[in-house]
């Protein structure tokens, strides 16, 4: 039984944290697991070219770092050279800590697309087929995350039809095209037809939906409305609510949010290789929605290390307790 079959048999729907570049690293996954754990995690996407390059491998491989809290976890990879997918798949399987391998065929980033990876593979189905076949050589269950098409929504049928013929264990569909980025609402109206197509071509392939799903409760409603959806993936929703994977949502206090930020800082300090400035993008997750949040956040954005962040939080907490 693959991890996807196991999840589908235990959860209706199963919940996944979306792989987000420079966001869902080992540190933030630990935070999400502490707040409210999804049923499955993904690593940030890792470039197979870099992984197969002897000099750059150590740097790239850091994206495969995991912790005891972020299991089960899927390794997500991207690129456009089948032979490097094969080599990477074998090496990842040897690590023994990943439940599967996911191929990114949906990233709309300009640099990724120019290099022939991500959503660029939507335009090259023959190459996409070679990439999928190569990834299977590692022996791990292979899944794909993609979009409806490259330029037009109407491309979805031919593209998903093709992918469903590749004997994937799971197919995640972000309900927008590459061109649409996240500028329009997700095309949920297409879900019934996508479910129907999956049932006709590959009923064994689990179907996960991504796009504009804010929390577990909304995901459950979506799966109830569209029978046949096995899982839902939450991405940007975690920035609005770090507790978004709670099965029964409840209010969370300012102190809980600040406590979660302090935990994030502690996890960050365990990884000395992490650059500090990218950490600032997370402050709005915890410092938001309470009196004084805006001024506190502005102050935190001027910090240069986690010690300064802690000093400001400690001073602010003592001050607010006097009010």
Foldseek 3Di string as FASTA:
>chain_A
DAPLVVCLVPDLAFEEADADPLAPAQLVQLLLLVLAHGPAYEFHEAELVQCPDVVRNVVRCSSVDHDPRHPAYEYEYKAQDLQSLLVVLQVVLVVVRYRAYEYACADLDPVQLVRCMHVNCLVPLVSVLSNQVSNCNNVHQYEYEHECGAPDVVSNPVSLLSVLQSPHQEYEYEQHHSVCPQVDARPLVCLQVSLVSCVVRPLNYAYEYETPQQAPVSFSVSCVVRPNHRYYYDYCNCLQPSNRHDPDDDDDDLVVLVVSVVSSQVSVVVDVVDADLSVLVNLSSNQDDDPPSVVLSVVCNPDRHSVVNVVSVVVVVVVVVVD
